[in-house]
Protein backbone atom coordinates (compact mmCIF):
# COMPACT_ATOMS: atom_id res chain seq x y z
CA MET A 1 -34.41 -62.45 -136.71
CA ASN A 2 -35.62 -65.04 -139.21
CA LEU A 3 -38.99 -63.56 -140.19
CA ARG A 4 -41.47 -65.22 -142.49
CA ARG A 5 -43.36 -63.36 -145.17
CA ILE A 6 -46.90 -62.25 -144.38
CA LEU A 7 -49.28 -65.02 -145.38
CA GLY A 8 -52.86 -65.08 -146.52
CA LEU A 9 -55.04 -62.56 -144.64
CA SER A 10 -58.61 -62.83 -145.87
CA ALA A 11 -59.98 -59.96 -147.92
CA ALA A 12 -62.61 -59.37 -145.24
CA GLY A 13 -59.99 -59.18 -142.50
CA LEU A 14 -57.83 -56.78 -144.49
CA ALA A 15 -60.85 -54.58 -145.14
CA VAL A 16 -61.71 -54.42 -141.43
CA ILE A 17 -58.22 -53.35 -140.35
CA GLY A 18 -57.49 -51.13 -143.33
CA GLY A 19 -60.88 -49.42 -143.17
CA ALA A 20 -60.61 -48.69 -139.46
CA LEU A 21 -57.14 -47.20 -139.77
CA LEU A 22 -58.08 -45.11 -142.81
CA LEU A 23 -61.13 -43.69 -141.00
CA ALA A 24 -58.97 -42.83 -138.01
CA VAL A 25 -56.47 -40.96 -140.17
CA GLU A 26 -59.21 -38.99 -141.92
CA LEU A 27 -60.87 -37.98 -138.62
CA GLY A 28 -57.58 -36.93 -137.05
CA SER A 29 -56.51 -34.91 -140.07
CA ALA A 30 -59.84 -33.11 -140.20
CA GLN A 31 -59.48 -32.04 -136.56
CA GLY A 32 -55.82 -31.06 -136.84
CA LEU A 33 -54.85 -33.65 -134.22
CA ALA A 34 -52.88 -36.86 -134.29
CA PRO A 35 -55.11 -39.47 -135.97
CA ARG A 36 -57.23 -41.39 -133.49
CA ILE A 37 -56.53 -45.08 -134.02
CA SER A 38 -58.66 -47.68 -132.25
CA PHE A 39 -56.82 -50.84 -131.24
CA GLN A 40 -58.26 -53.88 -129.45
CA ILE A 41 -56.71 -56.45 -127.16
CA LEU A 42 -58.97 -59.49 -126.85
CA THR A 43 -58.49 -61.06 -123.42
CA GLY A 44 -60.76 -63.57 -121.66
CA SER A 45 -63.29 -63.68 -118.86
CA THR A 46 -63.24 -61.07 -116.09
CA GLY A 47 -62.36 -63.80 -113.58
CA GLY A 48 -59.17 -64.83 -115.35
CA THR A 49 -55.67 -63.36 -115.73
CA TYR A 50 -55.90 -62.04 -119.29
CA PHE A 51 -58.51 -59.35 -118.69
CA PRO A 52 -56.76 -57.42 -115.88
CA VAL A 53 -53.39 -57.72 -117.64
CA GLY A 54 -54.98 -56.51 -120.88
CA GLN A 55 -56.55 -53.59 -119.04
CA LEU A 56 -53.20 -52.64 -117.52
CA ILE A 57 -51.42 -52.76 -120.88
CA ALA A 58 -54.19 -50.75 -122.53
CA GLY A 59 -54.02 -48.08 -119.84
CA LEU A 60 -50.23 -47.80 -120.01
CA LEU A 61 -49.82 -47.75 -123.78
CA SER A 62 -52.84 -45.72 -124.97
CA HIS A 63 -51.79 -42.32 -126.28
CA PRO A 64 -54.72 -39.89 -126.37
CA PRO A 65 -54.07 -36.17 -126.96
CA GLY A 66 -52.77 -34.11 -124.05
CA VAL A 67 -51.46 -36.87 -121.78
CA ASP A 68 -48.28 -35.49 -120.20
CA ARG A 69 -46.67 -38.85 -119.45
CA CYS A 70 -46.92 -39.79 -123.12
CA GLU A 71 -45.33 -36.55 -124.30
CA ALA A 72 -42.49 -36.56 -121.78
CA ALA A 73 -41.12 -40.04 -122.56
CA PRO A 74 -41.75 -42.92 -125.02
CA VAL A 75 -43.88 -44.80 -122.50
CA CYS A 76 -47.01 -44.85 -124.69
CA GLY A 77 -47.82 -46.19 -128.12
CA PRO A 78 -48.00 -44.02 -131.25
CA ALA A 79 -49.81 -40.71 -130.90
CA GLY A 80 -53.57 -41.05 -131.22
CA LEU A 81 -53.62 -44.79 -130.44
CA ILE A 82 -56.51 -45.69 -128.13
CA ILE A 83 -56.34 -49.27 -126.83
CA SER A 84 -59.28 -51.15 -125.36
CA ALA A 85 -59.14 -54.48 -123.52
CA ARG A 86 -62.15 -56.61 -124.45
CA THR A 87 -63.51 -59.70 -122.74
CA SER A 88 -63.79 -62.79 -124.90
CA GLU A 89 -64.51 -66.52 -124.83
CA GLY A 90 -60.82 -67.28 -124.49
CA ALA A 91 -57.59 -68.05 -126.31
CA VAL A 92 -59.02 -70.10 -129.19
CA ALA A 93 -61.61 -67.43 -129.94
CA ASN A 94 -58.90 -64.75 -129.72
CA VAL A 95 -56.64 -66.49 -132.22
CA LEU A 96 -59.49 -66.99 -134.68
CA ALA A 97 -60.59 -63.35 -134.41
CA VAL A 98 -57.07 -61.97 -134.80
CA ASN A 99 -56.27 -64.24 -137.73
CA ALA A 100 -59.47 -63.20 -139.52
CA GLY A 101 -58.83 -59.49 -138.91
CA ARG A 102 -61.85 -59.03 -136.64
CA ALA A 103 -59.51 -57.70 -133.94
CA GLU A 104 -56.06 -56.18 -134.12
CA SER A 105 -54.58 -58.18 -131.24
CA GLY A 106 -55.28 -60.59 -128.42
CA LEU A 107 -53.77 -62.75 -125.69
CA ALA A 108 -53.38 -66.49 -126.10
CA GLN A 109 -51.51 -69.49 -124.69
CA GLY A 110 -48.44 -70.84 -126.44
CA ASP A 111 -49.93 -74.32 -126.92
CA VAL A 112 -53.04 -72.82 -128.52
CA ILE A 113 -50.98 -70.71 -130.92
CA ALA A 114 -48.86 -73.73 -131.83
CA GLU A 115 -52.00 -75.66 -132.79
CA ALA A 116 -53.34 -72.66 -134.68
CA VAL A 117 -50.36 -72.18 -136.99
CA LYS A 118 -50.37 -75.93 -137.76
CA GLY A 119 -54.13 -76.06 -138.30
CA ALA A 120 -54.36 -78.82 -135.68
CA GLY A 121 -56.57 -79.60 -132.70
CA ALA A 122 -59.23 -76.92 -132.28
CA PHE A 123 -58.34 -75.33 -135.65
CA ARG A 124 -59.59 -76.64 -138.97
CA GLY A 125 -57.08 -74.68 -141.04
CA LYS A 126 -53.71 -73.01 -140.59
CA GLN A 127 -54.06 -69.59 -138.99
CA GLN A 128 -51.50 -67.93 -141.24
CA ALA A 129 -52.01 -64.27 -140.29
CA VAL A 130 -51.07 -64.70 -136.61
CA ARG A 131 -47.94 -62.83 -135.53
CA VAL A 132 -46.36 -62.46 -132.08
CA ILE A 133 -45.77 -59.11 -130.38
CA ALA A 134 -44.29 -60.55 -127.19
CA ASP A 135 -44.16 -63.57 -124.91
CA LEU A 136 -45.54 -62.08 -121.70
CA PHE A 137 -45.74 -64.38 -118.66
CA PRO A 138 -46.23 -67.99 -117.49
CA GLU A 139 -49.59 -69.52 -116.60
CA ASP A 140 -50.07 -72.49 -114.30
CA VAL A 141 -52.56 -75.28 -114.84
CA HIS A 142 -54.68 -75.54 -111.68
CA LEU A 143 -56.62 -78.76 -111.08
CA LEU A 144 -59.22 -77.94 -108.43
CA VAL A 145 -61.32 -80.64 -106.80
CA ALA A 146 -64.06 -80.60 -104.18
CA ARG A 147 -62.36 -80.52 -100.79
CA THR A 148 -64.20 -83.62 -99.53
CA SER A 149 -63.61 -85.69 -102.68
CA LYS A 150 -61.20 -88.62 -102.82
CA ILE A 151 -59.48 -87.34 -105.95
CA GLN A 152 -55.71 -87.28 -105.43
CA GLY A 153 -54.50 -86.90 -109.02
CA VAL A 154 -55.44 -86.78 -112.69
CA ALA A 155 -55.96 -90.56 -112.88
CA ASP A 156 -58.73 -90.33 -110.25
CA LEU A 157 -60.89 -88.14 -112.52
CA LYS A 158 -62.32 -91.17 -114.32
CA GLY A 159 -66.07 -91.35 -113.82
CA LYS A 160 -66.18 -87.95 -112.11
CA ARG A 161 -68.06 -84.75 -112.98
CA VAL A 162 -65.30 -82.62 -114.49
CA SER A 163 -65.35 -79.30 -116.31
CA LEU A 164 -62.76 -79.14 -119.09
CA GLY A 165 -63.03 -75.41 -119.81
CA ALA A 166 -65.31 -73.31 -122.01
CA PRO A 167 -65.56 -74.40 -125.67
CA ASN A 168 -63.38 -71.61 -127.14
CA SER A 169 -60.97 -71.29 -124.23
CA GLY A 170 -57.30 -72.15 -124.15
CA THR A 171 -57.97 -74.26 -121.07
CA GLY A 172 -59.84 -76.75 -123.23
CA VAL A 173 -56.83 -77.18 -125.52
CA THR A 174 -54.46 -77.79 -122.61
CA VAL A 175 -56.85 -80.16 -120.81
CA ARG A 176 -57.30 -82.33 -123.90
CA ALA A 177 -53.53 -82.80 -124.02
CA ILE A 178 -53.42 -83.62 -120.30
CA LEU A 179 -56.16 -86.25 -120.57
CA SER A 180 -54.43 -87.82 -123.56
CA ALA A 181 -51.12 -88.04 -121.70
CA TYR A 182 -52.81 -89.75 -118.77
CA ASN A 183 -54.76 -92.09 -121.08
CA ILE A 184 -58.17 -90.81 -120.02
CA PRO A 185 -60.69 -90.64 -122.89
CA GLU A 186 -63.21 -87.85 -122.43
CA ARG A 187 -66.00 -90.44 -122.58
CA ARG A 188 -64.68 -91.83 -119.27
CA LEU A 189 -65.64 -88.53 -117.62
CA LYS A 190 -68.94 -86.88 -116.88
CA ALA A 191 -67.58 -83.92 -118.78
CA ARG A 192 -68.83 -80.35 -118.85
CA HIS A 193 -67.58 -77.32 -120.76
CA ASP A 194 -68.27 -74.23 -118.69
CA THR A 195 -66.57 -70.97 -117.80
CA SER A 196 -64.55 -70.77 -114.60
CA ASP A 197 -67.22 -68.65 -112.91
CA VAL A 198 -69.82 -71.36 -113.55
CA ASP A 199 -67.36 -74.05 -112.49
CA ALA A 200 -66.80 -72.32 -109.15
CA GLN A 201 -70.55 -72.08 -108.52
CA LEU A 202 -71.17 -75.72 -109.39
CA LEU A 203 -68.31 -76.84 -107.15
CA GLN A 204 -69.75 -74.84 -104.25
CA GLN A 205 -73.20 -76.35 -104.87
CA GLY A 206 -71.86 -79.91 -104.90
CA GLN A 207 -72.75 -80.40 -108.57
CA LEU A 208 -69.16 -80.71 -109.82
CA ASP A 209 -66.22 -82.81 -108.65
CA ALA A 210 -63.35 -81.02 -110.36
CA PHE A 211 -62.36 -78.40 -112.91
CA PHE A 212 -59.23 -77.14 -114.62
CA PHE A 213 -58.16 -73.50 -114.65
CA VAL A 214 -55.20 -72.06 -116.56
CA GLY A 215 -53.95 -68.72 -115.26
CA GLY A 216 -51.05 -66.77 -113.82
CA ARG A 217 -50.74 -67.38 -110.11
CA PRO A 218 -52.16 -66.36 -107.76
CA VAL A 219 -55.70 -66.49 -109.15
CA ASP A 220 -58.32 -64.79 -106.96
CA LEU A 221 -61.03 -67.28 -107.85
CA VAL A 222 -58.80 -70.20 -106.85
CA ASP A 223 -57.76 -68.51 -103.62
CA ASP A 224 -61.37 -67.83 -102.63
CA LEU A 225 -62.45 -71.44 -103.20
CA ILE A 226 -59.53 -72.80 -101.19
CA ALA A 227 -59.82 -70.24 -98.38
CA HIS A 228 -63.53 -71.00 -97.91
CA GLY A 229 -62.96 -74.74 -97.70
CA VAL A 230 -64.70 -75.48 -101.00
CA ALA A 231 -61.76 -76.76 -103.02
CA ARG A 232 -58.20 -78.01 -102.89
CA LEU A 233 -55.46 -78.37 -105.49
CA VAL A 234 -54.24 -81.76 -106.67
CA PRO A 235 -50.98 -82.36 -108.53
CA ILE A 236 -50.32 -82.93 -112.21
CA ASP A 237 -47.19 -85.06 -111.96
CA GLY A 238 -45.60 -88.45 -112.49
CA LYS A 239 -45.19 -90.39 -115.73
CA GLY A 240 -48.28 -88.76 -117.18
CA ARG A 241 -46.67 -85.34 -116.86
CA ASP A 242 -43.45 -86.63 -118.43
CA LYS A 243 -45.45 -87.89 -121.41
CA LEU A 244 -47.35 -84.61 -121.62
CA ILE A 245 -44.21 -82.45 -121.71
CA LYS A 246 -42.73 -84.62 -124.44
CA ALA A 247 -45.89 -84.42 -126.55
CA VAL A 248 -46.51 -80.68 -126.09
CA PRO A 249 -43.25 -78.65 -126.12
CA SER A 250 -45.16 -75.47 -125.20
CA LEU A 251 -45.82 -76.93 -121.74
CA SER A 252 -43.18 -77.04 -118.99
CA PRO A 253 -43.02 -78.76 -115.59
CA ASP A 254 -43.70 -76.30 -112.80
CA VAL A 255 -44.56 -76.00 -109.10
CA ILE A 256 -47.18 -73.81 -107.46
CA PRO A 257 -45.15 -72.82 -104.37
CA ALA A 258 -46.36 -73.38 -100.82
CA GLY A 259 -48.37 -70.44 -99.55
CA THR A 260 -49.40 -69.23 -103.00
CA TYR A 261 -52.94 -69.97 -101.86
CA ARG A 262 -53.91 -69.73 -98.22
CA GLY A 263 -52.92 -72.81 -96.27
CA THR A 264 -51.60 -74.79 -99.25
CA GLN A 265 -48.42 -76.82 -99.65
CA ALA A 266 -46.36 -76.88 -102.86
CA VAL A 267 -48.21 -78.55 -105.75
CA GLN A 268 -46.63 -80.07 -108.87
CA THR A 269 -48.17 -78.94 -112.16
CA VAL A 270 -47.36 -77.71 -115.67
CA SER A 271 -47.23 -74.19 -117.05
CA VAL A 272 -47.63 -72.54 -120.44
CA ARG A 273 -46.63 -69.08 -121.65
CA ALA A 274 -49.14 -66.33 -122.41
CA LEU A 275 -48.37 -64.33 -125.56
CA TRP A 276 -49.62 -61.10 -127.10
CA ILE A 277 -50.45 -61.71 -130.76
CA ALA A 278 -51.47 -59.40 -133.61
CA ASN A 279 -52.76 -59.69 -137.13
CA ALA A 280 -49.98 -59.64 -139.73
CA GLN A 281 -51.55 -56.64 -141.48
CA VAL A 282 -51.44 -54.29 -138.49
CA PRO A 283 -48.97 -51.59 -139.62
CA ASP A 284 -45.38 -52.16 -138.55
CA ASN A 285 -45.00 -48.69 -137.02
CA ILE A 286 -47.93 -49.29 -134.66
CA VAL A 287 -46.62 -52.63 -133.41
CA TYR A 288 -43.09 -51.21 -133.14
CA GLY A 289 -44.38 -48.33 -131.03
CA LEU A 290 -46.39 -50.64 -128.79
CA THR A 291 -43.48 -53.00 -128.22
CA ARG A 292 -41.02 -50.19 -127.52
CA ALA A 293 -43.42 -48.60 -125.04
CA LEU A 294 -44.25 -51.89 -123.29
CA PHE A 295 -40.58 -52.42 -122.47
CA ASP A 296 -39.73 -48.80 -121.70
CA PRO A 297 -38.27 -48.51 -118.17
CA GLY A 298 -40.82 -45.80 -117.44
CA ASN A 299 -43.54 -48.47 -117.34
CA ARG A 300 -41.62 -50.88 -115.10
CA ASP A 301 -43.02 -49.65 -111.79
CA ALA A 302 -46.61 -49.85 -113.07
CA LEU A 303 -46.09 -53.41 -114.30
CA ASN A 304 -44.48 -54.42 -111.00
CA ALA A 305 -47.31 -52.85 -109.00
CA GLY A 306 -50.02 -54.73 -110.88
CA LEU A 307 -50.70 -58.45 -110.98
CA ARG A 308 -47.80 -60.82 -110.43
CA SER A 309 -48.24 -61.89 -114.05
CA ALA A 310 -47.71 -58.32 -115.25
CA SER A 311 -44.54 -58.04 -113.15
CA LEU A 312 -43.12 -61.00 -115.11
CA ILE A 313 -43.36 -59.20 -118.48
CA ARG A 314 -39.65 -58.92 -119.30
CA LEU A 315 -37.58 -58.14 -122.38
CA GLU A 316 -35.28 -61.11 -121.77
CA THR A 317 -38.15 -63.60 -122.13
CA ALA A 318 -40.15 -61.75 -124.80
CA THR A 319 -38.87 -63.77 -127.76
CA GLN A 320 -38.12 -67.18 -126.23
CA HIS A 321 -39.53 -70.32 -127.87
CA LEU A 322 -42.14 -68.53 -129.97
CA PRO A 323 -44.82 -70.77 -131.55
CA ALA A 324 -45.49 -68.30 -134.41
CA PRO A 325 -43.44 -65.67 -136.31
CA LEU A 326 -42.77 -62.30 -134.77
CA HIS A 327 -44.65 -59.33 -136.20
CA PRO A 328 -42.14 -57.29 -138.26
CA GLY A 329 -42.80 -54.21 -136.13
CA ALA A 330 -41.96 -56.11 -132.93
CA ALA A 331 -38.95 -57.75 -134.59
CA ARG A 332 -37.57 -54.31 -135.46
CA PHE A 333 -37.67 -53.28 -131.79
CA TYR A 334 -35.99 -56.49 -130.61
CA ARG A 335 -33.23 -56.09 -133.21
CA GLU A 336 -32.58 -52.58 -131.96
CA ALA A 337 -32.57 -53.73 -128.33
CA VAL A 338 -29.96 -56.38 -129.13
CA ARG A 339 -27.75 -53.84 -130.92
CA ARG A 340 -27.95 -51.43 -127.99
CA PRO A 341 -27.86 -53.72 -124.91
CA ASN A 342 -26.77 -50.89 -122.62
CA THR A 343 -29.63 -48.59 -123.53
CA LYS A 344 -32.66 -48.14 -121.30
CA ALA A 345 -34.69 -50.42 -123.56
CA GLY A 346 -32.16 -53.19 -123.10
CA LYS A 347 -32.16 -53.01 -119.31
CA ILE A 348 -35.87 -53.52 -118.59
């Protein structure tokens, strides 16, 4: 693996992470137990994909004292590690918090991370302390419109009441790129910037014509709106999509298959990968233990039984086309998996 050196964590961020881990070690030592180490995964809103996936990962990998499944096999993180999935404003907010050391880890879209490390778009400076634990799963861009509207594609959004995603969400980053590719200035829209829950309410009340949602299919919120005759999906396709893919390598052409949502036909769209990121100063042994446990075969059934997005968390796609450097702890695990392709870790 070609790993870059750790770059530029702020003194405040280092103090937050270092202080928390030191306190955990002291408390654990005093009690004669494995040190209790608190570890956060910033996710998104409760109505999106990130929060339930984050909850599932936290439940699988936490390693409190006395849990038999953790002692019997390496299916949990390091002893004493207690992981919590936290709601957040979205991918942009997650990247900023992780980079600054206000949280150990978070989930974010590949296009958002790519902007972050360059200091472009929503980011005023390069986010140099962002490291990747794993590429997790794909997310589809859903363009939902009022069922009775005449909107048939992105070009028809001009002059309409459209929500472009909450201010610190990854959706906003992706939507700006989409509008640019289709030559639609934001001023040509009656634009709003709300959460998906608010968007759904406004669409139901007839106060919104369309909104974008980025998430791993199927999304319950999208299914409910379609099933109740409130909304329908329209495609993101044509020359505008070709231009978009060329401009933003983190996005890929995709199709939401027929039947994904009740009564729907196949819909052309684009997708982006969701990644688990960590601060560069999180100790290597912790990230190594998390990565090893995530891909342990003993967790496969639980991942498959959860959301479809969780079932797509696979070792073979964990390091593909990364927009930021791997965390050294994760890189160590992947090196070992490559050297031992016939081991259990290599087969997941």
